[in-house]
PDB file of N, CA and C in Angstrom:
ATOM      1  N   UNK A   1     139.862 -51.575 108.349  1.00  0.00           N
ATOM      2  CA  UNK A   1     141.015 -50.619 107.854  1.00  0.00           C
ATOM      3  C   UNK A   1     140.460 -49.516 106.902  1.00  0.00           C
ATOM      4  N   UNK A   2     140.580 -48.185 106.824  1.00  0.00           N
ATOM      5  CA  UNK A   2     140.026 -47.209 106.046  1.00  0.00           C
ATOM      6  C   UNK A   2     141.108 -47.210 104.671  1.00  0.00           C
ATOM      7  N   UNK A   3     140.456 -46.961 103.707  1.00  0.00           N
ATOM      8  CA  UNK A   3     140.624 -47.077 102.244  1.00  0.00           C
ATOM      9  C   UNK A   3     141.637 -45.702 102.347  1.00  0.00           C
ATOM     10  N   UNK A   4     142.536 -45.693 101.381  1.00  0.00           N
ATOM     11  CA  UNK A   4     143.253 -44.184 101.035  1.00  0.00           C
ATOM     12  C   UNK A   4     142.408 -43.089 100.735  1.00  0.00           C
ATOM     13  N   UNK A   5     141.391 -42.987  99.726  1.00  0.00           N
ATOM     14  CA  UNK A   5     140.332 -42.353  99.839  1.00  0.00           C
ATOM     15  C   UNK A   5     139.638 -41.899 100.927  1.00  0.00           C
ATOM     16  N   UNK A   6     139.311 -42.633 101.736  1.00  0.00           N
ATOM     17  CA  UNK A   6     138.649 -42.298 102.970  1.00  0.00           C
ATOM     18  C   UNK A   6     139.392 -41.637 103.837  1.00  0.00           C
ATOM     19  N   UNK A   7     140.713 -42.012 103.780  1.00  0.00           N
ATOM     20  CA  UNK A   7     141.633 -41.322 104.804  1.00  0.00           C
ATOM     21  C   UNK A   7     141.921 -39.935 104.312  1.00  0.00           C
ATOM     22  N   UNK A   8     142.126 -39.767 103.052  1.00  0.00           N
ATOM     23  CA  UNK A   8     142.200 -38.187 102.490  1.00  0.00           C
ATOM     24  C   UNK A   8     140.995 -37.491 102.827  1.00  0.00           C
ATOM     25  N   UNK A   9     139.840 -38.106 102.550  1.00  0.00           N
ATOM     26  CA  UNK A   9     138.289 -37.206 102.794  1.00  0.00           C
ATOM     27  C   UNK A   9     138.711 -36.739 104.567  1.00  0.00           C
ATOM     28  N   UNK A  10     138.851 -37.928 105.324  1.00  0.00           N
ATOM     29  CA  UNK A  10     139.097 -37.468 106.802  1.00  0.00           C
ATOM     30  C   UNK A  10     139.983 -36.287 107.093  1.00  0.00           C
ATOM     31  N   UNK A  11     141.209 -36.036 106.219  1.00  0.00           N
ATOM     32  CA  UNK A  11     142.372 -35.128 106.441  1.00  0.00           C
ATOM     33  C   UNK A  11     141.506 -33.859 106.047  1.00  0.00           C
ATOM     34  N   UNK A  12     140.997 -33.923 104.909  1.00  0.00           N
ATOM     35  CA  UNK A  12     140.595 -32.860 104.232  1.00  0.00           C
ATOM     36  C   UNK A  12     139.666 -32.075 105.284  1.00  0.00           C
ATOM     37  N   UNK A  13     138.674 -33.058 105.860  1.00  0.00           N
ATOM     38  CA  UNK A  13     137.492 -32.492 106.841  1.00  0.00           C
ATOM     39  C   UNK A  13     138.302 -31.780 108.053  1.00  0.00           C
ATOM     40  N   UNK A  14     139.478 -32.311 108.764  1.00  0.00           N
ATOM     41  CA  UNK A  14     140.416 -31.923 109.695  1.00  0.00           C
ATOM     42  C   UNK A  14     140.959 -30.579 109.257  1.00  0.00           C
ATOM     43  N   UNK A  15     141.415 -30.862 108.036  1.00  0.00           N
ATOM     44  CA  UNK A  15     142.336 -29.306 107.810  1.00  0.00           C
ATOM     45  C   UNK A  15     140.933 -28.058 107.850  1.00  0.00           C
ATOM     46  N   UNK A  16     139.942 -28.510 107.211  1.00  0.00           N
ATOM     47  CA  UNK A  16     138.872 -27.534 107.605  1.00  0.00           C
ATOM     48  C   UNK A  16     138.389 -27.284 109.077  1.00  0.00           C
ATOM     49  N   UNK A  17     138.216 -28.078 109.862  1.00  0.00           N
ATOM     50  CA  UNK A  17     138.083 -27.875 111.022  1.00  0.00           C
ATOM     51  C   UNK A  17     139.214 -26.981 111.810  1.00  0.00           C
ATOM     52  N   UNK A  18     140.434 -26.955 111.370  1.00  0.00           N
ATOM     53  CA  UNK A  18     141.297 -26.773 112.260  1.00  0.00           C
ATOM     54  C   UNK A  18     141.914 -25.044 111.475  1.00  0.00           C
ATOM     55  N   UNK A  19     141.002 -24.937 110.243  1.00  0.00           N
ATOM     56  CA  UNK A  19     141.116 -23.373 109.701  1.00  0.00           C
ATOM     57  C   UNK A  19     140.059 -23.110 110.517  1.00  0.00           C
ATOM     58  N   UNK A  20     138.845 -23.606 110.517  1.00  0.00           N
ATOM     59  CA  UNK A  20     137.980 -22.673 111.088  1.00  0.00           C
ATOM     60  C   UNK A  20     138.014 -22.608 112.848  1.00  0.00           C
ATOM     61  N   UNK A  21     138.892 -23.288 113.541  1.00  0.00           N
ATOM     62  CA  UNK A  21     138.878 -22.857 114.747  1.00  0.00           C
ATOM     63  C   UNK A  21     140.059 -21.990 114.859  1.00  0.00           C
ATOM     64  N   UNK A  22     140.979 -22.156 114.104  1.00  0.00           N
ATOM     65  CA  UNK A  22     142.038 -20.831 113.963  1.00  0.00           C
ATOM     66  C   UNK A  22     141.420 -19.332 113.666  1.00  0.00           C
ATOM     67  N   UNK A  23     140.431 -19.463 112.633  1.00  0.00           N
ATOM     68  CA  UNK A  23     139.879 -18.358 112.356  1.00  0.00           C
ATOM     69  C   UNK A  23     139.171 -17.970 113.381  1.00  0.00           C
ATOM     70  N   UNK A  24     138.391 -18.509 114.381  1.00  0.00           N
ATOM     71  CA  UNK A  24     137.591 -18.500 115.692  1.00  0.00           C
ATOM     72  C   UNK A  24     138.183 -17.678 116.811  1.00  0.00           C
ATOM     73  N   UNK A  25     139.790 -18.104 116.694  1.00  0.00           N
ATOM     74  CA  UNK A  25     140.392 -18.025 118.163  1.00  0.00           C
ATOM     75  C   UNK A  25     141.510 -16.769 117.668  1.00  0.00           C
ATOM     76  N   UNK A  26     141.772 -16.197 116.439  1.00  0.00           N
ATOM     77  CA  UNK A  26     142.755 -15.390 116.081  1.00  0.00           C
ATOM     78  C   UNK A  26     142.347 -14.226 116.585  1.00  0.00           C
ATOM     79  N   UNK A  27     140.883 -13.466 116.433  1.00  0.00           N
ATOM     80  CA  UNK A  27     140.819 -12.182 116.960  1.00  0.00           C
ATOM     81  C   UNK A  27     140.755 -12.257 118.337  1.00  0.00           C
ATOM     82  N   UNK A  28     140.815 -13.108 119.181  1.00  0.00           N
ATOM     83  CA  UNK A  28     140.712 -13.208 120.682  1.00  0.00           C
ATOM     84  C   UNK A  28     142.253 -13.127 120.825  1.00  0.00           C
ATOM     85  N   UNK A  29     142.706 -14.058 120.208  1.00  0.00           N
ATOM     86  CA  UNK A  29     144.555 -13.658 120.696  1.00  0.00           C
ATOM     87  C   UNK A  29     144.979 -12.579 120.219  1.00  0.00           C
ATOM     88  N   UNK A  30     144.659 -11.862 119.138  1.00  0.00           N
ATOM     89  CA  UNK A  30     145.153 -10.575 118.595  1.00  0.00           C
ATOM     90  C   UNK A  30     144.735  -9.593 119.881  1.00  0.00           C
ATOM     91  N   UNK A  31     143.700  -9.663 119.905  1.00  0.00           N
ATOM     92  CA  UNK A  31     143.394  -8.622 120.780  1.00  0.00           C
ATOM     93  C   UNK A  31     144.237  -8.901 122.613  1.00  0.00           C
ATOM     94  N   UNK A  32     144.329 -10.015 123.235  1.00  0.00           N
ATOM     95  CA  UNK A  32     145.128 -10.296 124.099  1.00  0.00           C
ATOM     96  C   UNK A  32     146.420  -9.747 123.961  1.00  0.00           C
ATOM     97  N   UNK A  33     147.100  -9.603 123.128  1.00  0.00           N
ATOM     98  CA  UNK A  33     148.362  -9.514 122.534  1.00  0.00           C
ATOM     99  C   UNK A  33     148.275  -8.161 122.780  1.00  0.00           C
ATOM    100  N   UNK A  34     147.487  -7.362 122.087  1.00  0.00           N
ATOM    101  CA  UNK A  34     147.471  -5.989 121.878  1.00  0.00           C
ATOM    102  C   UNK A  34     147.338  -5.222 123.269  1.00  0.00           C
ATOM    103  N   UNK A  35     146.226  -5.810 123.764  1.00  0.00           N
ATOM    104  CA  UNK A  35     146.256  -5.263 125.652  1.00  0.00           C
ATOM    105  C   UNK A  35     147.390  -5.852 126.582  1.00  0.00           C
ATOM    106  N   UNK A  36     148.014  -7.013 126.158  1.00  0.00           N
ATOM    107  CA  UNK A  36     149.148  -6.724 126.806  1.00  0.00           C
ATOM    108  C   UNK A  36     150.419  -5.861 126.671  1.00  0.00           C
ATOM    109  N   UNK A  37     150.517  -5.827 125.300  1.00  0.00           N
ATOM    110  CA  UNK A  37     151.408  -4.654 124.832  1.00  0.00           C
ATOM    111  C   UNK A  37     151.358  -3.352 125.342  1.00  0.00           C
ATOM    112  N   UNK A  38     149.615  -2.984 125.443  1.00  0.00           N
ATOM    113  CA  UNK A  38     149.630  -1.738 125.840  1.00  0.00           C
ATOM    114  C   UNK A  38     149.602  -1.690 127.466  1.00  0.00           C
ATOM    115  N   UNK A  39     149.343  -2.549 128.126  1.00  0.00           N
ATOM    116  CA  UNK A  39     149.258  -2.659 129.698  1.00  0.00           C
ATOM    117  C   UNK A  39     150.977  -2.182 130.037  1.00  0.00           C
ATOM    118  N   UNK A  40     152.123  -2.852 129.251  1.00  0.00           N
ATOM    119  CA  UNK A  40     153.116  -2.947 130.035  1.00  0.00           C
ATOM    120  C   UNK A  40     154.297  -2.035 128.737  1.00  0.00           C
ATOM    121  N   UNK A  41     153.505  -1.619 127.981  1.00  0.00           N
ATOM    122  CA  UNK A  41     154.331  -0.396 127.135  1.00  0.00           C
ATOM    123  C   UNK A  41     155.208  -1.074 126.111  1.00  0.00           C
ATOM    124  N   UNK A  42     154.783  -2.013 125.847  1.00  0.00           N
ATOM    125  CA  UNK A  42     155.747  -3.059 124.743  1.00  0.00           C
ATOM    126  C   UNK A  42     155.576  -2.788 123.365  1.00  0.00           C
ATOM    127  N   UNK A  43     156.902  -2.421 122.562  1.00  0.00           N
ATOM    128  CA  UNK A  43     156.569  -1.801 121.188  1.00  0.00           C
ATOM    129  C   UNK A  43     157.153  -3.004 120.366  1.00  0.00           C
ATOM    130  N   UNK A  44     156.728  -2.408 119.038  1.00  0.00           N
ATOM    131  CA  UNK A  44     157.141  -3.808 117.787  1.00  0.00           C
ATOM    132  C   UNK A  44     158.462  -3.854 117.801  1.00  0.00           C
ATOM    133  N   UNK A  45     159.220  -2.650 118.221  1.00  0.00           N
ATOM    134  CA  UNK A  45     160.854  -2.814 118.040  1.00  0.00           C
ATOM    135  C   UNK A  45     161.105  -3.925 119.064  1.00  0.00           C
ATOM    136  N   UNK A  46     160.614  -3.662 120.411  1.00  0.00           N
ATOM    137  CA  UNK A  46     161.121  -4.464 121.401  1.00  0.00           C
ATOM    138  C   UNK A  46     160.884  -5.920 120.955  1.00  0.00           C
ATOM    139  N   UNK A  47     159.571  -6.524 120.361  1.00  0.00           N
ATOM    140  CA  UNK A  47     159.447  -7.768 119.886  1.00  0.00           C
ATOM    141  C   UNK A  47     160.332  -8.467 118.838  1.00  0.00           C
ATOM    142  N   UNK A  48     161.093  -7.446 118.081  1.00  0.00           N
ATOM    143  CA  UNK A  48     161.947  -7.797 116.860  1.00  0.00           C
ATOM    144  C   UNK A  48     161.039  -8.470 115.776  1.00  0.00           C
ATOM    145  N   UNK A  49     159.951  -8.277 115.624  1.00  0.00           N
ATOM    146  CA  UNK A  49     159.124  -8.528 114.649  1.00  0.00           C
ATOM    147  C   UNK A  49     159.045  -7.780 113.172  1.00  0.00           C
ATOM    148  N   UNK A  50     159.890  -6.891 113.057  1.00  0.00           N
ATOM    149  CA  UNK A  50     159.792  -5.881 112.236  1.00  0.00           C
ATOM    150  C   UNK A  50     159.655  -4.552 112.604  1.00  0.00           C
ATOM    151  N   UNK A  51     159.628  -3.589 111.684  1.00  0.00           N
ATOM    152  CA  UNK A  51     160.073  -2.362 111.926  1.00  0.00           C
ATOM    153  C   UNK A  51     159.076  -1.486 112.346  1.00  0.00           C
ATOM    154  N   UNK A  52     159.286  -0.753 113.428  1.00  0.00           N
ATOM    155  CA  UNK A  52     158.161   0.396 113.712  1.00  0.00           C
ATOM    156  C   UNK A  52     158.546   1.254 112.952  1.00  0.00           C
ATOM    157  N   UNK A  53     157.419   2.539 112.585  1.00  0.00           N
ATOM    158  CA  UNK A  53     157.503   3.381 111.453  1.00  0.00           C
ATOM    159  C   UNK A  53     158.786   4.352 112.156  1.00  0.00           C
ATOM    160  N   UNK A  54     159.794   4.499 111.373  1.00  0.00           N
ATOM    161  CA  UNK A  54     160.840   5.465 111.628  1.00  0.00           C
ATOM    162  C   UNK A  54     161.735   5.304 112.233  1.00  0.00           C
ATOM    163  N   UNK A  55     161.815   3.656 112.256  1.00  0.00           N
ATOM    164  CA  UNK A  55     162.847   3.339 113.512  1.00  0.00           C
ATOM    165  C   UNK A  55     163.688   2.436 112.966  1.00  0.00           C
ATOM    166  N   UNK A  56     164.578   2.694 112.742  1.00  0.00           N
ATOM    167  CA  UNK A  56     165.491   1.517 112.125  1.00  0.00           C
ATOM    168  C   UNK A  56     166.453   0.383 113.147  1.00  0.00           C
ATOM    169  N   UNK A  57     166.358  -0.731 112.676  1.00  0.00           N
ATOM    170  CA  UNK A  57     166.609  -1.986 113.511  1.00  0.00           C
ATOM    171  C   UNK A  57     167.769  -2.247 112.773  1.00  0.00           C
ATOM    172  N   UNK A  58     168.534  -3.070 113.915  1.00  0.00           N
ATOM    173  CA  UNK A  58     169.768  -3.569 113.342  1.00  0.00           C
ATOM    174  C   UNK A  58     171.083  -2.733 113.804  1.00  0.00           C
ATOM    175  N   UNK A  59     172.068  -3.385 113.462  1.00  0.00           N
ATOM    176  CA  UNK A  59     173.450  -2.469 113.697  1.00  0.00           C
ATOM    177  C   UNK A  59     173.820  -1.555 112.526  1.00  0.00           C
ATOM    178  N   UNK A  60     174.222  -0.365 113.578  1.00  0.00           N
ATOM    179  CA  UNK A  60     174.992   0.831 112.397  1.00  0.00           C
ATOM    180  C   UNK A  60     175.827   0.046 111.551  1.00  0.00           C
ATOM    181  N   UNK A  61     175.954   0.747 110.524  1.00  0.00           N
ATOM    182  CA  UNK A  61     177.037   0.166 109.432  1.00  0.00           C
ATOM    183  C   UNK A  61     177.873   1.961 109.036  1.00  0.00           C
ATOM    184  N   UNK A  62     179.013   1.274 109.153  1.00  0.00           N
ATOM    185  CA  UNK A  62     180.081   2.403 109.224  1.00  0.00           C
ATOM    186  C   UNK A  62     180.396   2.697 107.225  1.00  0.00           C
ATOM    187  N   UNK A  63     180.303   4.216 107.093  1.00  0.00           N
ATOM    188  CA  UNK A  63     180.604   4.228 105.717  1.00  0.00           C
ATOM    189  C   UNK A  63     182.060   3.594 105.213  1.00  0.00           C
ATOM    190  N   UNK A  64     182.313   3.614 104.119  1.00  0.00           N
ATOM    191  CA  UNK A  64     183.301   3.048 103.439  1.00  0.00           C
ATOM    192  C   UNK A  64     184.142   4.134 102.939  1.00  0.00           C
ATOM    193  N   UNK A  65     185.534   4.116 103.263  1.00  0.00           N
ATOM    194  CA  UNK A  65     186.195   5.105 102.630  1.00  0.00           C
ATOM    195  C   UNK A  65     186.157   4.816 100.760  1.00  0.00           C
ATOM    196  N   UNK A  66     186.200   6.297 100.278  1.00  0.00           N
ATOM    197  CA  UNK A  66     186.625   5.965  98.694  1.00  0.00           C
ATOM    198  C   UNK A  66     187.938   5.387  98.317  1.00  0.00           C
ATOM    199  N   UNK A  67     188.090   4.559  97.339  1.00  0.00           N
ATOM    200  CA  UNK A  67     189.588   3.998  96.884  1.00  0.00           C
ATOM    201  C   UNK A  67     189.814   4.938  95.659  1.00  0.00           C
ATOM    202  N   UNK A  68     188.701   5.182  94.955  1.00  0.00           N
ATOM    203  CA  UNK A  68     188.882   5.550  93.784  1.00  0.00           C
ATOM    204  C   UNK A  68     188.699   6.982  93.492  1.00  0.00           C
ATOM    205  N   UNK A  69     189.164   7.929  92.738  1.00  0.00           N
ATOM    206  CA  UNK A  69     188.220   9.231  92.204  1.00  0.00           C
ATOM    207  C   UNK A  69     188.542   9.564  90.837  1.00  0.00           C
ATOM    208  N   UNK A  70     187.399  10.031  90.359  1.00  0.00           N
ATOM    209  CA  UNK A  70     187.252  10.513  88.907  1.00  0.00           C
ATOM    210  C   UNK A  70     188.340  11.710  88.810  1.00  0.00           C
ATOM    211  N   UNK A  71     189.137  12.104  87.878  1.00  0.00           N
ATOM    212  CA  UNK A  71     189.807  13.291  88.322  1.00  0.00           C
ATOM    213  C   UNK A  71     189.014  14.646  87.417  1.00  0.00           C
ATOM    214  N   UNK A  72     188.329  14.088  86.510  1.00  0.00           N
ATOM    215  CA  UNK A  72     187.315  14.702  85.701  1.00  0.00           C
ATOM    216  C   UNK A  72     185.947  15.394  86.620  1.00  0.00           C
ATOM    217  N   UNK A  73     185.366  14.592  86.937  1.00  0.00           N
ATOM    218  CA  UNK A  73     184.401  14.967  87.590  1.00  0.00           C
ATOM    219  C   UNK A  73     184.614  15.110  89.514  1.00  0.00           C
ATOM    220  N   UNK A  74     185.728  14.507  89.741  1.00  0.00           N
ATOM    221  CA  UNK A  74     185.602  14.595  91.251  1.00  0.00           C
ATOM    222  C   UNK A  74     185.029  13.351  92.183  1.00  0.00           C
ATOM    223  N   UNK A  75     184.131  12.791  91.115  1.00  0.00           N
ATOM    224  CA  UNK A  75     183.552  11.584  91.740  1.00  0.00           C
ATOM    225  C   UNK A  75     184.371  10.572  92.571  1.00  0.00           C
ATOM    226  N   UNK A  76     183.809   9.801  93.457  1.00  0.00           N
ATOM    227  CA  UNK A  76     184.671   8.765  94.304  1.00  0.00           C
ATOM    228  C   UNK A  76     183.647   7.443  94.080  1.00  0.00           C
ATOM    229  N   UNK A  77     184.575   6.356  94.232  1.00  0.00           N
ATOM    230  CA  UNK A  77     183.920   5.163  94.574  1.00  0.00           C
ATOM    231  C   UNK A  77     184.771   4.295  95.334  1.00  0.00           C
ATOM    232  N   UNK A  78     184.096   3.311  96.134  1.00  0.00           N
ATOM    233  CA  UNK A  78     184.621   2.670  97.548  1.00  0.00           C
ATOM    234  C   UNK A  78     185.137   1.544  96.901  1.00  0.00           C
ATOM    235  N   UNK A  79     185.068   0.872  95.730  1.00  0.00           N
ATOM    236  CA  UNK A  79     185.530  -0.404  95.122  1.00  0.00           C
ATOM    237  C   UNK A  79     184.480  -1.310  95.242  1.00  0.00           C
ATOM    238  N   UNK A  80     183.373  -0.864  96.116  1.00  0.00           N
ATOM    239  CA  UNK A  80     182.592  -2.130  96.277  1.00  0.00           C
ATOM    240  C   UNK A  80     181.342  -2.024  95.598  1.00  0.00           C
ATOM    241  N   UNK A  81     180.511  -2.976  95.053  1.00  0.00           N
ATOM    242  CA  UNK A  81     179.472  -2.778  94.223  1.00  0.00           C
ATOM    243  C   UNK A  81     179.925  -2.625  92.675  1.00  0.00           C
ATOM    244  N   UNK A  82     178.876  -2.314  91.869  1.00  0.00           N
ATOM    245  CA  UNK A  82     178.974  -2.060  90.589  1.00  0.00           C
ATOM    246  C   UNK A  82     179.825  -1.088  90.339  1.00  0.00           C
ATOM    247  N   UNK A  83     180.778  -1.004  89.331  1.00  0.00           N
ATOM    248  CA  UNK A  83     181.699   0.224  89.068  1.00  0.00           C
ATOM    249  C   UNK A  83     180.990   1.316  88.537  1.00  0.00           C
ATOM    250  N   UNK A  84     181.119   2.523  88.786  1.00  0.00           N
ATOM    251  CA  UNK A  84     180.556   3.558  87.743  1.00  0.00           C
ATOM    252  C   UNK A  84     181.107   3.447  86.669  1.00  0.00           C
ATOM    253  N   UNK A  85     180.334   4.385  85.391  1.00  0.00           N
ATOM    254  CA  UNK A  85     180.635   4.359  84.295  1.00  0.00           C
ATOM    255  C   UNK A  85     182.203   4.979  83.890  1.00  0.00           C
ATOM    256  N   UNK A  86     182.302   5.856  84.902  1.00  0.00           N
ATOM    257  CA  UNK A  86     183.866   6.504  84.610  1.00  0.00           C
ATOM    258  C   UNK A  86     184.962   5.728  84.719  1.00  0.00           C
ATOM    259  N   UNK A  87     184.719   4.290  85.499  1.00  0.00           N
ATOM    260  CA  UNK A  87     185.914   3.815  85.700  1.00  0.00           C
ATOM    261  C   UNK A  87     185.578   2.154  85.062  1.00  0.00           C
ATOM    262  N   UNK A  88     184.344   1.872  84.664  1.00  0.00           N
ATOM    263  CA  UNK A  88     183.992   0.533  84.107  1.00  0.00           C
ATOM    264  C   UNK A  88     184.934   0.522  83.057  1.00  0.00           C
ATOM    265  N   UNK A  89     185.354  -0.843  82.784  1.00  0.00           N
ATOM    266  CA  UNK A  89     186.179  -1.434  81.788  1.00  0.00           C
ATOM    267  C   UNK A  89     187.845  -0.681  81.682  1.00  0.00           C
ATOM    268  N   UNK A  90     188.055   0.020  82.595  1.00  0.00           N
ATOM    269  CA  UNK A  90     189.567   0.746  82.353  1.00  0.00           C
ATOM    270  C   UNK A  90     190.335   0.257  83.492  1.00  0.00           C
ATOM    271  N   UNK A  91     191.779   0.711  83.465  1.00  0.00           N
ATOM    272  CA  UNK A  91     192.627   0.316  84.477  1.00  0.00           C
ATOM    273  C   UNK A  91     192.444   1.436  85.398  1.00  0.00           C
ATOM    274  N   UNK A  92     192.196   0.403  86.690  1.00  0.00           N
ATOM    275  CA  UNK A  92     191.677   1.081  88.344  1.00  0.00           C
ATOM    276  C   UNK A  92     192.836   1.633  88.733  1.00  0.00           C
ATOM    277  N   UNK A  93     194.234   1.507  88.372  1.00  0.00           N
ATOM    278  CA  UNK A  93     195.330   1.958  89.018  1.00  0.00           C
ATOM    279  C   UNK A  93     195.381   3.349  88.824  1.00  0.00           C
ATOM    280  N   UNK A  94     194.870   3.875  87.812  1.00  0.00           N
ATOM    281  CA  UNK A  94     195.546   5.231  87.662  1.00  0.00           C
ATOM    282  C   UNK A  94     194.118   6.317  88.024  1.00  0.00           C
ATOM    283  N   UNK A  95     193.356   5.573  88.779  1.00  0.00           N
ATOM    284  CA  UNK A  95     192.126   6.165  89.405  1.00  0.00           C
ATOM    285  C   UNK A  95     192.451   5.955  91.113  1.00  0.00           C
ATOM    286  N   UNK A  96     193.316   5.235  91.730  1.00  0.00           N
ATOM    287  CA  UNK A  96     193.467   4.941  92.767  1.00  0.00           C
ATOM    288  C   UNK A  96     194.158   6.601  93.793  1.00  0.00           C
ATOM    289  N   UNK A  97     193.056   6.566  94.622  1.00  0.00           N
ATOM    290  CA  UNK A  97     193.429   7.593  95.792  1.00  0.00           C
ATOM    291  C   UNK A  97     194.794   7.398  96.393  1.00  0.00           C
ATOM    292  N   UNK A  98     195.654   8.395  96.200  1.00  0.00           N
ATOM    293  CA  UNK A  98     196.969   8.293  97.119  1.00  0.00           C
ATOM    294  C   UNK A  98     196.642   8.533  98.777  1.00  0.00           C
ATOM    295  N   UNK A  99     197.350   7.625  99.506  1.00  0.00           N
ATOM    296  CA  UNK A  99     196.902   8.208 100.955  1.00  0.00           C
ATOM    297  C   UNK A  99     197.942   9.163 101.555  1.00  0.00           C
TER     298      UNK A  99
END
């Protein structure tokens, strides 16, 4: 039976061999993928593995209607996120936009 240290040494050698094999095969696999993408006209957006330049991925988001208005500046706030300075720490009822 192998000792603990011998097994650790074997594992280290195997990990090195795995990394070497991966490095050697990486370029070949990458070229294959690029070639197939070119042959079939596949885009990064279709793969879902990131964003292509200038292309938004995901569902469109609708804007939220403002709920509060500053009577002095006319600025509005939806009530979501960090409150702006003009309403922070104040009674929000007086800033409500009436429907």
